[in-house]
Amino acid sequence: PSASPRFAPANIIAFTFTDKAAAELKQRVIDRVREAHGDIPGLAAMFVGTIHAFCLALLKAEVPEYMKFEVLNEVQQSLLIDRNSRQSGLTTTKDLDGRSLRRYTDTRRYVDALAILREAHLDERALRGTSIVSGLRSYRDLLKDKRYLDYSSIMEDAVKALVADKALKQRLAARIKHVIVDEYQDVNPIQEALVRLFADMGAHICVVGDDDQTIYQ
């Protein structure tokens, strides 16, 4: 591994889906590498973690406007929407029966719908003119105004930054040579878009998955 910069620890990314699994995986990797090769300088520079964590680190380190953004957990996200019920698009959005969504009662449904709009493959024509699309625009504006990121926007904004910024893409292409994705069966479209961007950069991709273990589809 030390003979070629292509195999330096900093050139390797391993994605898994929970912080607990990431910690266990990182320790297993360190143990196996040491058994086979002894101590390798810079082993800690290898990224082993969640896609969310990687995307957040990317935005904070590479896109200046995000340096002062804070990350909302699920409870904080719901509170933000409830406290800004109109500005967040909640109470201006209607359900399929034409009823306006209500604070607290429908907040969880609204949050789930926003996540689907940003993370799934969509039929844009079928959504044209629906209130939830307008609600998403309002919610995005609210996040930007308050300098917040939620879990979906972390990935969405990271992908957008990579697509739009050629210099950023070149910097990552020079560093990232191997990408391993665990639990690949649970990757959603926005996460898949990130993996494909790495492939476009020339990284070697290895995925491990089992359709019989799918839990998020």
C-alpha atoms as a PDB file:
ATOM      1  CA  PRO A   1       0.000   0.000   0.000  1.00  0.00           C
ATOM      2  CA  SER A   2       2.802   2.479   0.767  1.00  0.00           C
ATOM      3  CA  ALA A   3       4.493   1.778  -2.595  1.00  0.00           C
ATOM      4  CA  SER A   4       1.877   3.588  -4.673  1.00  0.00           C
ATOM      5  CA  PRO A   5      -0.010   6.842  -3.972  1.00  0.00           C
ATOM      6  CA  ARG A   6      -3.034   5.268  -5.649  1.00  0.00           C
ATOM      7  CA  PHE A   7      -3.378   3.037  -2.599  1.00  0.00           C
ATOM      8  CA  ALA A   8      -2.679   5.625   0.078  1.00  0.00           C
ATOM      9  CA  PRO A   9      -5.322   5.592   2.853  1.00  0.00           C
ATOM     10  CA  ALA A  10      -6.452   9.120   1.945  1.00  0.00           C
ATOM     11  CA  ASN A  11      -7.414   7.834  -1.514  1.00  0.00           C
ATOM     12  CA  ILE A  12     -10.001   5.420  -0.090  1.00  0.00           C
ATOM     13  CA  ILE A  13     -13.617   6.035   0.906  1.00  0.00           C
ATOM     14  CA  ALA A  14     -15.856   3.400   2.504  1.00  0.00           C
ATOM     15  CA  PHE A  15     -19.537   4.210   2.959  1.00  0.00           C
ATOM     16  CA  THR A  16     -21.952   2.477   5.289  1.00  0.00           C
ATOM     17  CA  PHE A  17     -25.340   3.547   6.622  1.00  0.00           C
ATOM     18  CA  THR A  18     -25.130   4.188  10.359  1.00  0.00           C
ATOM     19  CA  ASP A  19     -22.553   5.792  12.631  1.00  0.00           C
ATOM     20  CA  LYS A  20     -22.397   2.598  14.699  1.00  0.00           C
ATOM     21  CA  ALA A  21     -21.745   0.432  11.653  1.00  0.00           C
ATOM     22  CA  ALA A  22     -19.134   2.924  10.439  1.00  0.00           C
ATOM     23  CA  ALA A  23     -17.229   2.786  13.740  1.00  0.00           C
ATOM     24  CA  GLU A  24     -17.252  -1.015  13.707  1.00  0.00           C
ATOM     25  CA  LEU A  25     -16.178  -1.143  10.054  1.00  0.00           C
ATOM     26  CA  LYS A  26     -13.338   1.313  10.581  1.00  0.00           C
ATOM     27  CA  GLN A  27     -11.968  -0.721  13.482  1.00  0.00           C
ATOM     28  CA  ARG A  28     -12.179  -3.954  11.466  1.00  0.00           C
ATOM     29  CA  VAL A  29     -10.360  -2.331   8.542  1.00  0.00           C
ATOM     30  CA  ILE A  30      -7.604  -0.997  10.803  1.00  0.00           C
ATOM     31  CA  ASP A  31      -7.198  -4.384  12.494  1.00  0.00           C
ATOM     32  CA  ARG A  32      -7.041  -6.342   9.204  1.00  0.00           C
ATOM     33  CA  VAL A  33      -4.632  -3.877   7.565  1.00  0.00           C
ATOM     34  CA  ARG A  34      -2.281  -3.971  10.538  1.00  0.00           C
ATOM     35  CA  GLU A  35      -2.359  -7.763  10.561  1.00  0.00           C
ATOM     36  CA  ALA A  36      -1.429  -7.888   6.875  1.00  0.00           C
ATOM     37  CA  HIS A  37       0.852  -4.873   6.468  1.00  0.00           C
ATOM     38  CA  GLY A  38       1.810  -3.556   9.892  1.00  0.00           C
ATOM     39  CA  ASP A  39       1.454   0.119  10.735  1.00  0.00           C
ATOM     40  CA  ILE A  40       0.782   2.250   7.660  1.00  0.00           C
ATOM     41  CA  PRO A  41       1.336   6.012   8.001  1.00  0.00           C
ATOM     42  CA  GLY A  42      -1.801   8.062   7.509  1.00  0.00           C
ATOM     43  CA  LEU A  43      -4.281   5.215   7.957  1.00  0.00           C
ATOM     44  CA  ALA A  44      -6.616   7.579   9.811  1.00  0.00           C
ATOM     45  CA  ALA A  45      -6.931   9.655   6.615  1.00  0.00           C
ATOM     46  CA  MET A  46      -9.079   6.930   5.042  1.00  0.00           C
ATOM     47  CA  PHE A  47     -12.746   7.955   5.201  1.00  0.00           C
ATOM     48  CA  VAL A  48     -15.012   5.302   6.726  1.00  0.00           C
ATOM     49  CA  GLY A  49     -18.443   6.672   7.531  1.00  0.00           C
ATOM     50  CA  THR A  50     -21.896   7.575   6.305  1.00  0.00           C
ATOM     51  CA  ILE A  51     -22.670   9.329   3.047  1.00  0.00           C
ATOM     52  CA  HIS A  52     -24.258  12.126   5.083  1.00  0.00           C
ATOM     53  CA  ALA A  53     -21.046  12.653   7.043  1.00  0.00           C
ATOM     54  CA  PHE A  54     -18.927  12.731   3.899  1.00  0.00           C
ATOM     55  CA  CYS A  55     -21.235  15.212   2.160  1.00  0.00           C
ATOM     56  CA  LEU A  56     -21.335  17.480   5.207  1.00  0.00           C
ATOM     57  CA  ALA A  57     -17.544  17.489   5.477  1.00  0.00           C
ATOM     58  CA  LEU A  58     -17.332  18.228   1.754  1.00  0.00           C
ATOM     59  CA  LEU A  59     -19.664  21.220   1.986  1.00  0.00           C
ATOM     60  CA  LYS A  60     -17.957  22.617   5.096  1.00  0.00           C
ATOM     61  CA  ALA A  61     -14.454  22.239   3.695  1.00  0.00           C
ATOM     62  CA  GLU A  62     -14.956  23.083   0.032  1.00  0.00           C
ATOM     63  CA  VAL A  63     -17.965  25.412  -0.305  1.00  0.00           C
ATOM     64  CA  PRO A  64     -17.407  28.623   1.703  1.00  0.00           C
ATOM     65  CA  GLU A  65     -21.078  29.594   2.073  1.00  0.00           C
ATOM     66  CA  TYR A  66     -21.749  26.446   4.130  1.00  0.00           C
ATOM     67  CA  MET A  67     -19.048  27.051   6.726  1.00  0.00           C
ATOM     68  CA  LYS A  68     -21.521  28.711   9.111  1.00  0.00           C
ATOM     69  CA  PHE A  69     -24.493  26.448   8.381  1.00  0.00           C
ATOM     70  CA  GLU A  70     -25.841  24.292  11.216  1.00  0.00           C
ATOM     71  CA  VAL A  71     -27.308  20.803  10.803  1.00  0.00           C
ATOM     72  CA  LEU A  72     -30.844  20.092  12.002  1.00  0.00           C
ATOM     73  CA  ASN A  73     -31.746  16.741  13.491  1.00  0.00           C
ATOM     74  CA  GLU A  74     -35.266  15.383  12.935  1.00  0.00           C
ATOM     75  CA  VAL A  75     -36.734  17.049  16.031  1.00  0.00           C
ATOM     76  CA  GLN A  76     -35.177  20.413  15.202  1.00  0.00           C
ATOM     77  CA  GLN A  77     -36.391  20.155  11.617  1.00  0.00           C
ATOM     78  CA  SER A  78     -39.974  19.593  12.754  1.00  0.00           C
ATOM     79  CA  LEU A  79     -39.754  22.488  15.203  1.00  0.00           C
ATOM     80  CA  LEU A  80     -38.429  24.795  12.482  1.00  0.00           C
ATOM     81  CA  ILE A  81     -41.321  23.885  10.198  1.00  0.00           C
ATOM     82  CA  ASP A  82     -43.948  24.272  12.918  1.00  0.00           C
ATOM     83  CA  ARG A  83     -42.613  27.621  14.104  1.00  0.00           C
ATOM     84  CA  ASN A  84     -42.496  28.885  10.525  1.00  0.00           C
ATOM     85  CA  SER A  85     -45.572  27.030   9.313  1.00  0.00           C
ATOM     86  CA  ARG A  86     -46.356  29.321   6.380  1.00  0.00           C
ATOM     87  CA  GLN A  87     -42.811  30.279   5.422  1.00  0.00           C
ATOM     88  CA  SER A  88     -41.821  26.583   5.447  1.00  0.00           C
ATOM     89  CA  GLY A  89     -44.662  25.759   3.068  1.00  0.00           C
ATOM     90  CA  LEU A  90     -46.460  23.514   5.568  1.00  0.00           C
ATOM     91  CA  THR A  91     -49.795  25.303   5.840  1.00  0.00           C
ATOM     92  CA  THR A  92     -49.802  26.357   2.168  1.00  0.00           C
ATOM     93  CA  THR A  93     -49.570  22.702   1.083  1.00  0.00           C
ATOM     94  CA  LYS A  94     -52.714  20.613   0.562  1.00  0.00           C
ATOM     95  CA  ASP A  95     -53.241  16.864   0.759  1.00  0.00           C
ATOM     96  CA  LEU A  96     -54.903  14.801  -1.981  1.00  0.00           C
ATOM     97  CA  ASP A  97     -58.333  15.757  -0.656  1.00  0.00           C
ATOM     98  CA  GLY A  98     -57.555  19.463  -0.971  1.00  0.00           C
ATOM     99  CA  ARG A  99     -57.222  19.994   2.782  1.00  0.00           C
ATOM    100  CA  SER A 100     -54.470  22.326   3.974  1.00  0.00           C
ATOM    101  CA  LEU A 101     -51.867  20.659   6.159  1.00  0.00           C
ATOM    102  CA  ARG A 102     -51.873  21.627   9.817  1.00  0.00           C
ATOM    103  CA  ARG A 103     -49.119  22.450  12.261  1.00  0.00           C
ATOM    104  CA  TYR A 104     -48.052  19.581  14.523  1.00  0.00           C
ATOM    105  CA  THR A 105     -50.713  17.193  13.184  1.00  0.00           C
ATOM    106  CA  ASP A 106     -49.306  16.923   9.655  1.00  0.00           C
ATOM    107  CA  THR A 107     -45.713  17.996  10.181  1.00  0.00           C
ATOM    108  CA  ARG A 108     -44.261  14.486  10.016  1.00  0.00           C
ATOM    109  CA  ARG A 109     -46.122  13.752   6.785  1.00  0.00           C
ATOM    110  CA  TYR A 110     -44.806  16.980   5.311  1.00  0.00           C
ATOM    111  CA  VAL A 111     -41.215  16.241   6.339  1.00  0.00           C
ATOM    112  CA  ASP A 112     -41.446  12.761   4.779  1.00  0.00           C
ATOM    113  CA  ALA A 113     -42.853  14.202   1.555  1.00  0.00           C
ATOM    114  CA  LEU A 114     -40.045  16.769   1.325  1.00  0.00           C
ATOM    115  CA  ALA A 115     -37.464  14.009   1.729  1.00  0.00           C
ATOM    116  CA  ILE A 116     -39.061  11.950  -1.053  1.00  0.00           C
ATOM    117  CA  LEU A 117     -39.117  14.941  -3.401  1.00  0.00           C
ATOM    118  CA  ARG A 118     -35.388  15.452  -2.912  1.00  0.00           C
ATOM    119  CA  GLU A 119     -34.125  11.872  -2.699  1.00  0.00           C
ATOM    120  CA  ALA A 120     -36.288   9.830  -5.097  1.00  0.00           C
ATOM    121  CA  HIS A 121     -36.723   9.501  -8.856  1.00  0.00           C
ATOM    122  CA  LEU A 122     -39.734  11.654  -9.729  1.00  0.00           C
ATOM    123  CA  ASP A 123     -42.139  12.121 -12.599  1.00  0.00           C
ATOM    124  CA  GLU A 124     -41.860  15.896 -12.854  1.00  0.00           C
ATOM    125  CA  ARG A 125     -44.864  16.097 -15.185  1.00  0.00           C
ATOM    126  CA  ALA A 126     -47.141  14.416 -12.668  1.00  0.00           C
ATOM    127  CA  LEU A 127     -46.043  16.872  -9.977  1.00  0.00           C
ATOM    128  CA  ARG A 128     -46.466  20.007 -12.061  1.00  0.00           C
ATOM    129  CA  GLY A 129     -48.693  22.539 -10.311  1.00  0.00           C
ATOM    130  CA  THR A 130     -48.980  20.609  -7.042  1.00  0.00           C
ATOM    131  CA  SER A 131     -48.764  22.549  -3.807  1.00  0.00           C
ATOM    132  CA  ILE A 132     -46.058  20.326  -2.339  1.00  0.00           C
ATOM    133  CA  VAL A 133     -43.618  21.446  -5.047  1.00  0.00           C
ATOM    134  CA  SER A 134     -44.257  25.081  -4.098  1.00  0.00           C
ATOM    135  CA  GLY A 135     -43.910  24.061  -0.451  1.00  0.00           C
ATOM    136  CA  LEU A 136     -40.489  22.567  -1.141  1.00  0.00           C
ATOM    137  CA  ARG A 137     -39.323  25.811  -2.747  1.00  0.00           C
ATOM    138  CA  SER A 138     -40.481  27.723   0.328  1.00  0.00           C
ATOM    139  CA  TYR A 139     -38.779  25.265   2.655  1.00  0.00           C
ATOM    140  CA  ARG A 140     -35.493  25.475   0.738  1.00  0.00           C
ATOM    141  CA  ASP A 141     -35.625  29.269   0.965  1.00  0.00           C
ATOM    142  CA  LEU A 142     -36.252  29.021   4.707  1.00  0.00           C
ATOM    143  CA  LEU A 143     -33.265  26.718   5.216  1.00  0.00           C
ATOM    144  CA  LYS A 144     -31.001  29.040   3.255  1.00  0.00           C
ATOM    145  CA  ASP A 145     -32.293  32.123   5.071  1.00  0.00           C
ATOM    146  CA  LYS A 146     -31.727  30.523   8.488  1.00  0.00           C
ATOM    147  CA  ARG A 147     -28.425  28.889   7.425  1.00  0.00           C
ATOM    148  CA  TYR A 148     -29.572  25.376   8.182  1.00  0.00           C
ATOM    149  CA  LEU A 149     -29.030  22.010   6.551  1.00  0.00           C
ATOM    150  CA  ASP A 150     -31.210  18.953   7.058  1.00  0.00           C
ATOM    151  CA  TYR A 151     -30.269  15.368   6.196  1.00  0.00           C
ATOM    152  CA  SER A 152     -31.655  15.502   2.669  1.00  0.00           C
ATOM    153  CA  SER A 153     -30.216  18.908   1.798  1.00  0.00           C
ATOM    154  CA  ILE A 154     -26.742  17.804   2.937  1.00  0.00           C
ATOM    155  CA  MET A 155     -26.642  15.203   0.149  1.00  0.00           C
ATOM    156  CA  GLU A 156     -28.595  17.253  -2.362  1.00  0.00           C
ATOM    157  CA  ASP A 157     -26.369  20.314  -1.988  1.00  0.00           C
ATOM    158  CA  ALA A 158     -23.168  18.254  -2.091  1.00  0.00           C
ATOM    159  CA  VAL A 159     -24.205  16.655  -5.392  1.00  0.00           C
ATOM    160  CA  LYS A 160     -25.165  20.048  -6.823  1.00  0.00           C
ATOM    161  CA  ALA A 161     -21.799  21.509  -5.768  1.00  0.00           C
ATOM    162  CA  LEU A 162     -19.899  18.688  -7.458  1.00  0.00           C
ATOM    163  CA  VAL A 163     -21.898  19.000 -10.662  1.00  0.00           C
ATOM    164  CA  ALA A 164     -21.543  22.780 -10.830  1.00  0.00           C
ATOM    165  CA  ASP A 165     -17.940  23.261  -9.681  1.00  0.00           C
ATOM    166  CA  LYS A 166     -15.423  21.719 -12.090  1.00  0.00           C
ATOM    167  CA  ALA A 167     -12.468  22.742  -9.955  1.00  0.00           C
ATOM    168  CA  LEU A 168     -13.962  20.997  -6.919  1.00  0.00           C
ATOM    169  CA  LYS A 169     -14.594  17.891  -8.988  1.00  0.00           C
ATOM    170  CA  GLN A 170     -10.975  17.914 -10.178  1.00  0.00           C
ATOM    171  CA  ARG A 171      -9.675  18.237  -6.612  1.00  0.00           C
ATOM    172  CA  LEU A 172     -11.711  15.267  -5.479  1.00  0.00           C
ATOM    173  CA  ALA A 173     -10.757  13.250  -8.562  1.00  0.00           C
ATOM    174  CA  ALA A 174      -7.093  13.733  -7.669  1.00  0.00           C
ATOM    175  CA  ARG A 175      -7.686  12.467  -4.127  1.00  0.00           C
ATOM    176  CA  ILE A 176     -10.399   9.800  -4.321  1.00  0.00           C
ATOM    177  CA  LYS A 177      -9.341   6.629  -6.124  1.00  0.00           C
ATOM    178  CA  HIS A 178     -11.363   3.847  -4.470  1.00  0.00           C
ATOM    179  CA  VAL A 179     -14.975   3.989  -3.231  1.00  0.00           C
ATOM    180  CA  ILE A 180     -16.562   1.085  -1.350  1.00  0.00           C
ATOM    181  CA  VAL A 181     -20.311   1.174  -0.648  1.00  0.00           C
ATOM    182  CA  ASP A 182     -21.725  -1.211   1.963  1.00  0.00           C
ATOM    183  CA  GLU A 183     -25.464  -2.046   2.146  1.00  0.00           C
ATOM    184  CA  TYR A 184     -25.786  -0.925  -1.464  1.00  0.00           C
ATOM    185  CA  GLN A 185     -29.348  -2.225  -1.710  1.00  0.00           C
ATOM    186  CA  ASP A 186     -30.476   0.688   0.492  1.00  0.00           C
ATOM    187  CA  VAL A 187     -28.837   3.469  -1.534  1.00  0.00           C
ATOM    188  CA  ASN A 188     -31.439   5.982  -2.702  1.00  0.00           C
ATOM    189  CA  PRO A 189     -31.260   7.947  -5.989  1.00  0.00           C
ATOM    190  CA  ILE A 190     -29.487  11.026  -4.586  1.00  0.00           C
ATOM    191  CA  GLN A 191     -26.874   8.795  -2.928  1.00  0.00           C
ATOM    192  CA  GLU A 192     -26.548   6.815  -6.154  1.00  0.00           C
ATOM    193  CA  ALA A 193     -25.940  10.098  -7.988  1.00  0.00           C
ATOM    194  CA  LEU A 194     -22.984  10.776  -5.678  1.00  0.00           C
ATOM    195  CA  VAL A 195     -21.527   7.308  -6.294  1.00  0.00           C
ATOM    196  CA  ARG A 196     -21.897   7.805 -10.053  1.00  0.00           C
ATOM    197  CA  LEU A 197     -20.083  11.136  -9.811  1.00  0.00           C
ATOM    198  CA  PHE A 198     -17.151   9.328  -8.199  1.00  0.00           C
ATOM    199  CA  ALA A 199     -17.211   6.825 -11.059  1.00  0.00           C
ATOM    200  CA  ASP A 200     -17.196   9.705 -13.564  1.00  0.00           C
ATOM    201  CA  MET A 201     -14.114  11.057 -11.789  1.00  0.00           C
ATOM    202  CA  GLY A 202     -12.328   7.787 -12.510  1.00  0.00           C
ATOM    203  CA  ALA A 203     -12.577   6.207  -9.062  1.00  0.00           C
ATOM    204  CA  HIS A 204     -12.779   2.439  -8.780  1.00  0.00           C
ATOM    205  CA  ILE A 205     -16.185   1.526  -7.334  1.00  0.00           C
ATOM    206  CA  CYS A 206     -16.946  -1.572  -5.275  1.00  0.00           C
ATOM    207  CA  VAL A 207     -20.448  -2.132  -3.898  1.00  0.00           C
ATOM    208  CA  VAL A 208     -21.756  -4.817  -1.554  1.00  0.00           C
ATOM    209  CA  GLY A 209     -25.483  -5.426  -1.268  1.00  0.00           C
ATOM    210  CA  ASP A 210     -28.267  -7.967  -0.928  1.00  0.00           C
ATOM    211  CA  ASP A 211     -31.738  -7.369  -2.385  1.00  0.00           C
ATOM    212  CA  ASP A 212     -33.231  -9.686   0.238  1.00  0.00           C
ATOM    213  CA  GLN A 213     -32.089  -7.294   2.972  1.00  0.00           C
ATOM    214  CA  THR A 214     -33.656  -4.140   1.528  1.00  0.00           C
ATOM    215  CA  ILE A 215     -35.397  -2.200   4.306  1.00  0.00           C
ATOM    216  CA  TYR A 216     -35.812   1.337   2.909  1.00  0.00           C
ATOM    217  CA  GLN A 217     -37.470   0.760  -0.463  1.00  0.00           C
END
